[in-house]
Amino acid sequence: MPPELETRDLSRFPPVLLGRGTSEEWYDAAKMEHDVELLRRKGADVRPCVFEGGHEWTNEFRAAAGQFLEEVFRPVS
């Protein structure tokens, strides 16, 4: 997470899908939790997604990303 986001109001930020593989070596659960809390505290709509795998996108994450995009871009009735 870029450090400059800690000082910004993110309430007008677009929704965020934040993904992490369970075997990811660099982006561990604690870092993800910190980032989710930071984004929420700053007003961002963040949706965490933990999937089986590492740093590379898996079909599970691709499906979650597709669902996220459908929700975000669903026309308002």
PDB file of N, CA and C in Angstrom:
ATOM      1  N   MET A   1       0.848  -1.160   0.000  1.00  0.00           N
ATOM      2  CA  MET A   1       0.000   0.000   0.000  1.00  0.00           C
ATOM      3  C   MET A   1       0.899   1.228   0.000  1.00  0.00           C
ATOM      4  N   PRO A   2       0.703   2.120  -0.944  1.00  0.00           N
ATOM      5  CA  PRO A   2       1.518   3.333  -0.972  1.00  0.00           C
ATOM      6  C   PRO A   2       1.324   4.160   0.308  1.00  0.00           C
ATOM      7  N   PRO A   3       2.412   4.609   0.918  1.00  0.00           N
ATOM      8  CA  PRO A   3       2.301   5.334   2.196  1.00  0.00           C
ATOM      9  C   PRO A   3       1.492   6.621   2.100  1.00  0.00           C
ATOM     10  N   GLU A   4       1.445   7.248   0.944  1.00  0.00           N
ATOM     11  CA  GLU A   4       0.700   8.506   0.833  1.00  0.00           C
ATOM     12  C   GLU A   4      -0.805   8.313   1.022  1.00  0.00           C
ATOM     13  N   LEU A   5      -1.302   7.083   0.895  1.00  0.00           N
ATOM     14  CA  LEU A   5      -2.729   6.849   1.115  1.00  0.00           C
ATOM     15  C   LEU A   5      -3.115   7.030   2.576  1.00  0.00           C
ATOM     16  N   GLU A   6      -2.159   6.913   3.464  1.00  0.00           N
ATOM     17  CA  GLU A   6      -2.449   7.061   4.893  1.00  0.00           C
ATOM     18  C   GLU A   6      -2.904   8.468   5.250  1.00  0.00           C
ATOM     19  N   THR A   7      -2.600   9.440   4.424  1.00  0.00           N
ATOM     20  CA  THR A   7      -2.956  10.825   4.738  1.00  0.00           C
ATOM     21  C   THR A   7      -4.098  11.349   3.877  1.00  0.00           C
ATOM     22  N   ARG A   8      -4.649  10.527   3.024  1.00  0.00           N
ATOM     23  CA  ARG A   8      -5.688  10.992   2.097  1.00  0.00           C
ATOM     24  C   ARG A   8      -7.076  10.517   2.505  1.00  0.00           C
ATOM     25  N   ASP A   9      -8.076  11.305   2.141  1.00  0.00           N
ATOM     26  CA  ASP A   9      -9.471  10.902   2.275  1.00  0.00           C
ATOM     27  C   ASP A   9      -9.778  10.023   1.067  1.00  0.00           C
ATOM     28  N   LEU A  10     -10.175   8.805   1.305  1.00  0.00           N
ATOM     29  CA  LEU A  10     -10.417   7.868   0.206  1.00  0.00           C
ATOM     30  C   LEU A  10     -11.897   7.580   0.001  1.00  0.00           C
ATOM     31  N   SER A  11     -12.761   8.404   0.572  1.00  0.00           N
ATOM     32  CA  SER A  11     -14.193   8.144   0.474  1.00  0.00           C
ATOM     33  C   SER A  11     -14.704   8.261  -0.964  1.00  0.00           C
ATOM     34  N   ARG A  12     -13.993   8.954  -1.820  1.00  0.00           N
ATOM     35  CA  ARG A  12     -14.404   9.069  -3.223  1.00  0.00           C
ATOM     36  C   ARG A  12     -13.618   8.117  -4.121  1.00  0.00           C
ATOM     37  N   PHE A  13     -12.795   7.294  -3.505  1.00  0.00           N
ATOM     38  CA  PHE A  13     -12.010   6.292  -4.217  1.00  0.00           C
ATOM     39  C   PHE A  13     -12.959   5.242  -4.782  1.00  0.00           C
ATOM     40  N   PRO A  14     -12.683   4.696  -5.946  1.00  0.00           N
ATOM     41  CA  PRO A  14     -13.544   3.623  -6.454  1.00  0.00           C
ATOM     42  C   PRO A  14     -13.426   2.381  -5.566  1.00  0.00           C
ATOM     43  N   PRO A  15     -14.405   1.486  -5.627  1.00  0.00           N
ATOM     44  CA  PRO A  15     -14.321   0.254  -4.835  1.00  0.00           C
ATOM     45  C   PRO A  15     -13.019  -0.505  -5.142  1.00  0.00           C
ATOM     46  N   VAL A  16     -12.525  -1.183  -4.113  1.00  0.00           N
ATOM     47  CA  VAL A  16     -11.243  -1.877  -4.214  1.00  0.00           C
ATOM     48  C   VAL A  16     -11.444  -3.363  -3.926  1.00  0.00           C
ATOM     49  N   LEU A  17     -10.948  -4.207  -4.817  1.00  0.00           N
ATOM     50  CA  LEU A  17     -10.856  -5.642  -4.556  1.00  0.00           C
ATOM     51  C   LEU A  17      -9.409  -5.901  -4.183  1.00  0.00           C
ATOM     52  N   LEU A  18      -9.177  -6.372  -2.970  1.00  0.00           N
ATOM     53  CA  LEU A  18      -7.828  -6.611  -2.481  1.00  0.00           C
ATOM     54  C   LEU A  18      -7.644  -8.106  -2.304  1.00  0.00           C
ATOM     55  N   GLY A  19      -6.786  -8.698  -3.124  1.00  0.00           N
ATOM     56  CA  GLY A  19      -6.602 -10.143  -3.105  1.00  0.00           C
ATOM     57  C   GLY A  19      -5.268 -10.568  -2.546  1.00  0.00           C
ATOM     58  N   ARG A  20      -5.276 -11.770  -1.966  1.00  0.00           N
ATOM     59  CA  ARG A  20      -4.050 -12.361  -1.415  1.00  0.00           C
ATOM     60  C   ARG A  20      -4.161 -13.875  -1.456  1.00  0.00           C
ATOM     61  N   GLY A  21      -3.131 -14.513  -1.991  1.00  0.00           N
ATOM     62  CA  GLY A  21      -3.075 -15.963  -1.982  1.00  0.00           C
ATOM     63  C   GLY A  21      -2.631 -16.471  -0.626  1.00  0.00           C
ATOM     64  N   THR A  22      -3.145 -17.617  -0.219  1.00  0.00           N
ATOM     65  CA  THR A  22      -2.828 -18.170   1.103  1.00  0.00           C
ATOM     66  C   THR A  22      -1.354 -18.530   1.254  1.00  0.00           C
ATOM     67  N   SER A  23      -0.683 -18.790   0.139  1.00  0.00           N
ATOM     68  CA  SER A  23       0.746 -19.122   0.222  1.00  0.00           C
ATOM     69  C   SER A  23       1.628 -17.983  -0.274  1.00  0.00           C
ATOM     70  N   GLU A  24       1.054 -16.797  -0.369  1.00  0.00           N
ATOM     71  CA  GLU A  24       1.824 -15.606  -0.754  1.00  0.00           C
ATOM     72  C   GLU A  24       2.895 -15.363   0.300  1.00  0.00           C
ATOM     73  N   GLU A  25       4.141 -15.223  -0.129  1.00  0.00           N
ATOM     74  CA  GLU A  25       5.243 -15.058   0.809  1.00  0.00           C
ATOM     75  C   GLU A  25       5.448 -13.615   1.247  1.00  0.00           C
ATOM     76  N   TRP A  26       5.220 -12.647   0.379  1.00  0.00           N
ATOM     77  CA  TRP A  26       5.483 -11.253   0.731  1.00  0.00           C
ATOM     78  C   TRP A  26       4.269 -10.592   1.371  1.00  0.00           C
ATOM     79  N   TYR A  27       3.100 -10.790   0.775  1.00  0.00           N
ATOM     80  CA  TYR A  27       1.886 -10.105   1.242  1.00  0.00           C
ATOM     81  C   TYR A  27       1.132 -11.046   2.173  1.00  0.00           C
ATOM     82  N   ASP A  28       1.532 -11.061   3.428  1.00  0.00           N
ATOM     83  CA  ASP A  28       0.950 -12.012   4.376  1.00  0.00           C
ATOM     84  C   ASP A  28      -0.372 -11.494   4.948  1.00  0.00           C
ATOM     85  N   ALA A  29      -0.989 -12.317   5.773  1.00  0.00           N
ATOM     86  CA  ALA A  29      -2.308 -11.987   6.330  1.00  0.00           C
ATOM     87  C   ALA A  29      -2.267 -10.705   7.154  1.00  0.00           C
ATOM     88  N   ALA A  30      -1.202 -10.487   7.905  1.00  0.00           N
ATOM     89  CA  ALA A  30      -1.106  -9.284   8.733  1.00  0.00           C
ATOM     90  C   ALA A  30      -1.035  -8.022   7.878  1.00  0.00           C
ATOM     91  N   LYS A  31      -0.280  -8.066   6.786  1.00  0.00           N
ATOM     92  CA  LYS A  31      -0.191  -6.907   5.902  1.00  0.00           C
ATOM     93  C   LYS A  31      -1.535  -6.624   5.243  1.00  0.00           C
ATOM     94  N   MET A  32      -2.208  -7.685   4.822  1.00  0.00           N
ATOM     95  CA  MET A  32      -3.509  -7.493   4.189  1.00  0.00           C
ATOM     96  C   MET A  32      -4.499  -6.902   5.187  1.00  0.00           C
ATOM     97  N   GLU A  33      -4.509  -7.425   6.404  1.00  0.00           N
ATOM     98  CA  GLU A  33      -5.416  -6.908   7.434  1.00  0.00           C
ATOM     99  C   GLU A  33      -5.137  -5.434   7.693  1.00  0.00           C
ATOM    100  N   HIS A  34      -3.883  -5.060   7.766  1.00  0.00           N
ATOM    101  CA  HIS A  34      -3.507  -3.653   7.954  1.00  0.00           C
ATOM    102  C   HIS A  34      -4.057  -2.805   6.812  1.00  0.00           C
ATOM    103  N   ASP A  35      -3.875  -3.258   5.585  1.00  0.00           N
ATOM    104  CA  ASP A  35      -4.327  -2.496   4.422  1.00  0.00           C
ATOM    105  C   ASP A  35      -5.844  -2.377   4.368  1.00  0.00           C
ATOM    106  N   VAL A  36      -6.539  -3.454   4.687  1.00  0.00           N
ATOM    107  CA  VAL A  36      -8.009  -3.417   4.705  1.00  0.00           C
ATOM    108  C   VAL A  36      -8.486  -2.413   5.750  1.00  0.00           C
ATOM    109  N   GLU A  37      -7.914  -2.474   6.944  1.00  0.00           N
ATOM    110  CA  GLU A  37      -8.300  -1.538   8.004  1.00  0.00           C
ATOM    111  C   GLU A  37      -7.998  -0.095   7.615  1.00  0.00           C
ATOM    112  N   LEU A  38      -6.836   0.134   7.013  1.00  0.00           N
ATOM    113  CA  LEU A  38      -6.465   1.485   6.579  1.00  0.00           C
ATOM    114  C   LEU A  38      -7.453   2.013   5.550  1.00  0.00           C
ATOM    115  N   LEU A  39      -7.736   1.221   4.534  1.00  0.00           N
ATOM    116  CA  LEU A  39      -8.653   1.648   3.485  1.00  0.00           C
ATOM    117  C   LEU A  39     -10.040   1.940   4.048  1.00  0.00           C
ATOM    118  N   ARG A  40     -10.527   1.081   4.914  1.00  0.00           N
ATOM    119  CA  ARG A  40     -11.851   1.297   5.503  1.00  0.00           C
ATOM    120  C   ARG A  40     -11.867   2.535   6.390  1.00  0.00           C
ATOM    121  N   ARG A  41     -10.824   2.715   7.181  1.00  0.00           N
ATOM    122  CA  ARG A  41     -10.740   3.885   8.061  1.00  0.00           C
ATOM    123  C   ARG A  41     -10.716   5.185   7.249  1.00  0.00           C
ATOM    124  N   LYS A  42     -10.153   5.128   6.062  1.00  0.00           N
ATOM    125  CA  LYS A  42     -10.072   6.297   5.188  1.00  0.00           C
ATOM    126  C   LYS A  42     -11.308   6.464   4.316  1.00  0.00           C
ATOM    127  N   GLY A  43     -12.282   5.567   4.462  1.00  0.00           N
ATOM    128  CA  GLY A  43     -13.550   5.727   3.764  1.00  0.00           C
ATOM    129  C   GLY A  43     -13.702   4.942   2.480  1.00  0.00           C
ATOM    130  N   ALA A  44     -12.744   4.094   2.148  1.00  0.00           N
ATOM    131  CA  ALA A  44     -12.821   3.321   0.904  1.00  0.00           C
ATOM    132  C   ALA A  44     -13.707   2.093   1.086  1.00  0.00           C
ATOM    133  N   ASP A  45     -14.375   1.711   0.014  1.00  0.00           N
ATOM    134  CA  ASP A  45     -15.143   0.465  -0.043  1.00  0.00           C
ATOM    135  C   ASP A  45     -14.175  -0.620  -0.493  1.00  0.00           C
ATOM    136  N   VAL A  46     -13.659  -1.394   0.462  1.00  0.00           N
ATOM    137  CA  VAL A  46     -12.668  -2.427   0.147  1.00  0.00           C
ATOM    138  C   VAL A  46     -13.274  -3.801   0.395  1.00  0.00           C
ATOM    139  N   ARG A  47     -13.006  -4.694  -0.531  1.00  0.00           N
ATOM    140  CA  ARG A  47     -13.518  -6.065  -0.428  1.00  0.00           C
ATOM    141  C   ARG A  47     -12.345  -7.029  -0.486  1.00  0.00           C
ATOM    142  N   PRO A  48     -11.978  -7.592   0.660  1.00  0.00           N
ATOM    143  CA  PRO A  48     -10.850  -8.519   0.686  1.00  0.00           C
ATOM    144  C   PRO A  48     -11.226  -9.876   0.098  1.00  0.00           C
ATOM    145  N   CYS A  49     -10.263 -10.485  -0.553  1.00  0.00           N
ATOM    146  CA  CYS A  49     -10.459 -11.816  -1.134  1.00  0.00           C
ATOM    147  C   CYS A  49      -9.201 -12.636  -0.887  1.00  0.00           C
ATOM    148  N   VAL A  50      -9.325 -13.662  -0.069  1.00  0.00           N
ATOM    149  CA  VAL A  50      -8.218 -14.579   0.177  1.00  0.00           C
ATOM    150  C   VAL A  50      -8.523 -15.851  -0.598  1.00  0.00           C
ATOM    151  N   PHE A  51      -7.550 -16.273  -1.404  1.00  0.00           N
ATOM    152  CA  PHE A  51      -7.760 -17.440  -2.265  1.00  0.00           C
ATOM    153  C   PHE A  51      -6.608 -18.420  -2.110  1.00  0.00           C
ATOM    154  N   GLU A  52      -6.859 -19.672  -2.444  1.00  0.00           N
ATOM    155  CA  GLU A  52      -5.819 -20.694  -2.415  1.00  0.00           C
ATOM    156  C   GLU A  52      -4.813 -20.388  -3.522  1.00  0.00           C
ATOM    157  N   GLY A  53      -3.552 -20.278  -3.136  1.00  0.00           N
ATOM    158  CA  GLY A  53      -2.524 -20.007  -4.127  1.00  0.00           C
ATOM    159  C   GLY A  53      -1.488 -19.050  -3.586  1.00  0.00           C
ATOM    160  N   GLY A  54      -0.657 -18.567  -4.500  1.00  0.00           N
ATOM    161  CA  GLY A  54       0.429 -17.676  -4.119  1.00  0.00           C
ATOM    162  C   GLY A  54       0.245 -16.298  -4.705  1.00  0.00           C
ATOM    163  N   HIS A  55       1.300 -15.836  -5.380  1.00  0.00           N
ATOM    164  CA  HIS A  55       1.308 -14.485  -5.923  1.00  0.00           C
ATOM    165  C   HIS A  55       0.530 -14.383  -7.238  1.00  0.00           C
ATOM    166  N   GLU A  56       0.463 -15.459  -7.982  1.00  0.00           N
ATOM    167  CA  GLU A  56      -0.220 -15.457  -9.276  1.00  0.00           C
ATOM    168  C   GLU A  56      -1.727 -15.590  -9.096  1.00  0.00           C
ATOM    169  N   TRP A  57      -2.472 -14.941  -9.985  1.00  0.00           N
ATOM    170  CA  TRP A  57      -3.923 -15.073  -9.971  1.00  0.00           C
ATOM    171  C   TRP A  57      -4.308 -16.507 -10.294  1.00  0.00           C
ATOM    172  N   THR A  58      -5.327 -16.996  -9.607  1.00  0.00           N
ATOM    173  CA  THR A  58      -5.861 -18.331  -9.857  1.00  0.00           C
ATOM    174  C   THR A  58      -7.254 -18.182 -10.460  1.00  0.00           C
ATOM    175  N   ASN A  59      -7.828 -19.296 -10.884  1.00  0.00           N
ATOM    176  CA  ASN A  59      -9.199 -19.240 -11.391  1.00  0.00           C
ATOM    177  C   ASN A  59     -10.165 -18.789 -10.297  1.00  0.00           C
ATOM    178  N   GLU A  60      -9.886 -19.174  -9.069  1.00  0.00           N
ATOM    179  CA  GLU A  60     -10.727 -18.738  -7.939  1.00  0.00           C
ATOM    180  C   GLU A  60     -10.718 -17.212  -7.821  1.00  0.00           C
ATOM    181  N   PHE A  61      -9.527 -16.615  -7.917  1.00  0.00           N
ATOM    182  CA  PHE A  61      -9.452 -15.156  -7.822  1.00  0.00           C
ATOM    183  C   PHE A  61     -10.047 -14.491  -9.058  1.00  0.00           C
ATOM    184  N   ARG A  62      -9.828 -15.071 -10.216  1.00  0.00           N
ATOM    185  CA  ARG A  62     -10.426 -14.516 -11.438  1.00  0.00           C
ATOM    186  C   ARG A  62     -11.952 -14.485 -11.334  1.00  0.00           C
ATOM    187  N   ALA A  63     -12.527 -15.540 -10.778  1.00  0.00           N
ATOM    188  CA  ALA A  63     -13.980 -15.588 -10.601  1.00  0.00           C
ATOM    189  C   ALA A  63     -14.432 -14.505  -9.617  1.00  0.00           C
ATOM    190  N   ALA A  64     -13.685 -14.332  -8.529  1.00  0.00           N
ATOM    191  CA  ALA A  64     -14.018 -13.288  -7.556  1.00  0.00           C
ATOM    192  C   ALA A  64     -13.890 -11.905  -8.195  1.00  0.00           C
ATOM    193  N   ALA A  65     -12.869 -11.710  -9.021  1.00  0.00           N
ATOM    194  CA  ALA A  65     -12.691 -10.422  -9.698  1.00  0.00           C
ATOM    195  C   ALA A  65     -13.841 -10.164 -10.668  1.00  0.00           C
ATOM    196  N   GLY A  66     -14.267 -11.205 -11.379  1.00  0.00           N
ATOM    197  CA  GLY A  66     -15.401 -11.056 -12.289  1.00  0.00           C
ATOM    198  C   GLY A  66     -16.671 -10.675 -11.552  1.00  0.00           C
ATOM    199  N   GLN A  67     -16.928 -11.331 -10.441  1.00  0.00           N
ATOM    200  CA  GLN A  67     -18.113 -11.022  -9.637  1.00  0.00           C
ATOM    201  C   GLN A  67     -18.031  -9.594  -9.096  1.00  0.00           C
ATOM    202  N   PHE A  68     -16.854  -9.203  -8.631  1.00  0.00           N
ATOM    203  CA  PHE A  68     -16.635  -7.848  -8.130  1.00  0.00           C
ATOM    204  C   PHE A  68     -16.945  -6.825  -9.221  1.00  0.00           C
ATOM    205  N   LEU A  69     -16.441  -7.043 -10.412  1.00  0.00           N
ATOM    206  CA  LEU A  69     -16.671  -6.111 -11.516  1.00  0.00           C
ATOM    207  C   LEU A  69     -18.145  -6.050 -11.902  1.00  0.00           C
ATOM    208  N   GLU A  70     -18.820  -7.205 -11.882  1.00  0.00           N
ATOM    209  CA  GLU A  70     -20.259  -7.210 -12.179  1.00  0.00           C
ATOM    210  C   GLU A  70     -21.023  -6.371 -11.150  1.00  0.00           C
ATOM    211  N   GLU A  71     -20.659  -6.503  -9.882  1.00  0.00           N
ATOM    212  CA  GLU A  71     -21.328  -5.736  -8.831  1.00  0.00           C
ATOM    213  C   GLU A  71     -21.041  -4.238  -8.964  1.00  0.00           C
ATOM    214  N   VAL A  72     -19.799  -3.900  -9.218  1.00  0.00           N
ATOM    215  CA  VAL A  72     -19.399  -2.492  -9.288  1.00  0.00           C
ATOM    216  C   VAL A  72     -20.006  -1.800 -10.493  1.00  0.00           C
ATOM    217  N   PHE A  73     -20.111  -2.514 -11.610  1.00  0.00           N
ATOM    218  CA  PHE A  73     -20.600  -1.894 -12.829  1.00  0.00           C
ATOM    219  C   PHE A  73     -22.049  -2.228 -13.151  1.00  0.00           C
ATOM    220  N   ARG A  74     -22.766  -2.815 -12.177  1.00  0.00           N
ATOM    221  CA  ARG A  74     -24.179  -3.130 -12.363  1.00  0.00           C
ATOM    222  C   ARG A  74     -24.959  -1.824 -12.478  1.00  0.00           C
ATOM    223  N   PRO A  75     -25.782  -1.706 -13.505  1.00  0.00           N
ATOM    224  CA  PRO A  75     -26.570  -0.469 -13.657  1.00  0.00           C
ATOM    225  C   PRO A  75     -27.494  -0.254 -12.456  1.00  0.00           C
ATOM    226  N   VAL A  76     -27.606   0.970 -12.033  1.00  0.00           N
ATOM    227  CA  VAL A  76     -28.495   1.338 -10.940  1.00  0.00           C
ATOM    228  C   VAL A  76     -29.897   1.441 -11.482  1.00  0.00           C
ATOM    229  N   SER A  77     -30.841   0.766 -10.853  1.00  0.00           N
ATOM    230  CA  SER A  77     -32.252   0.782 -11.326  1.00  0.00           C
ATOM    231  C   SER A  77     -32.991   1.972 -10.799  1.00  0.00           C
TER     232      SER A  77
END
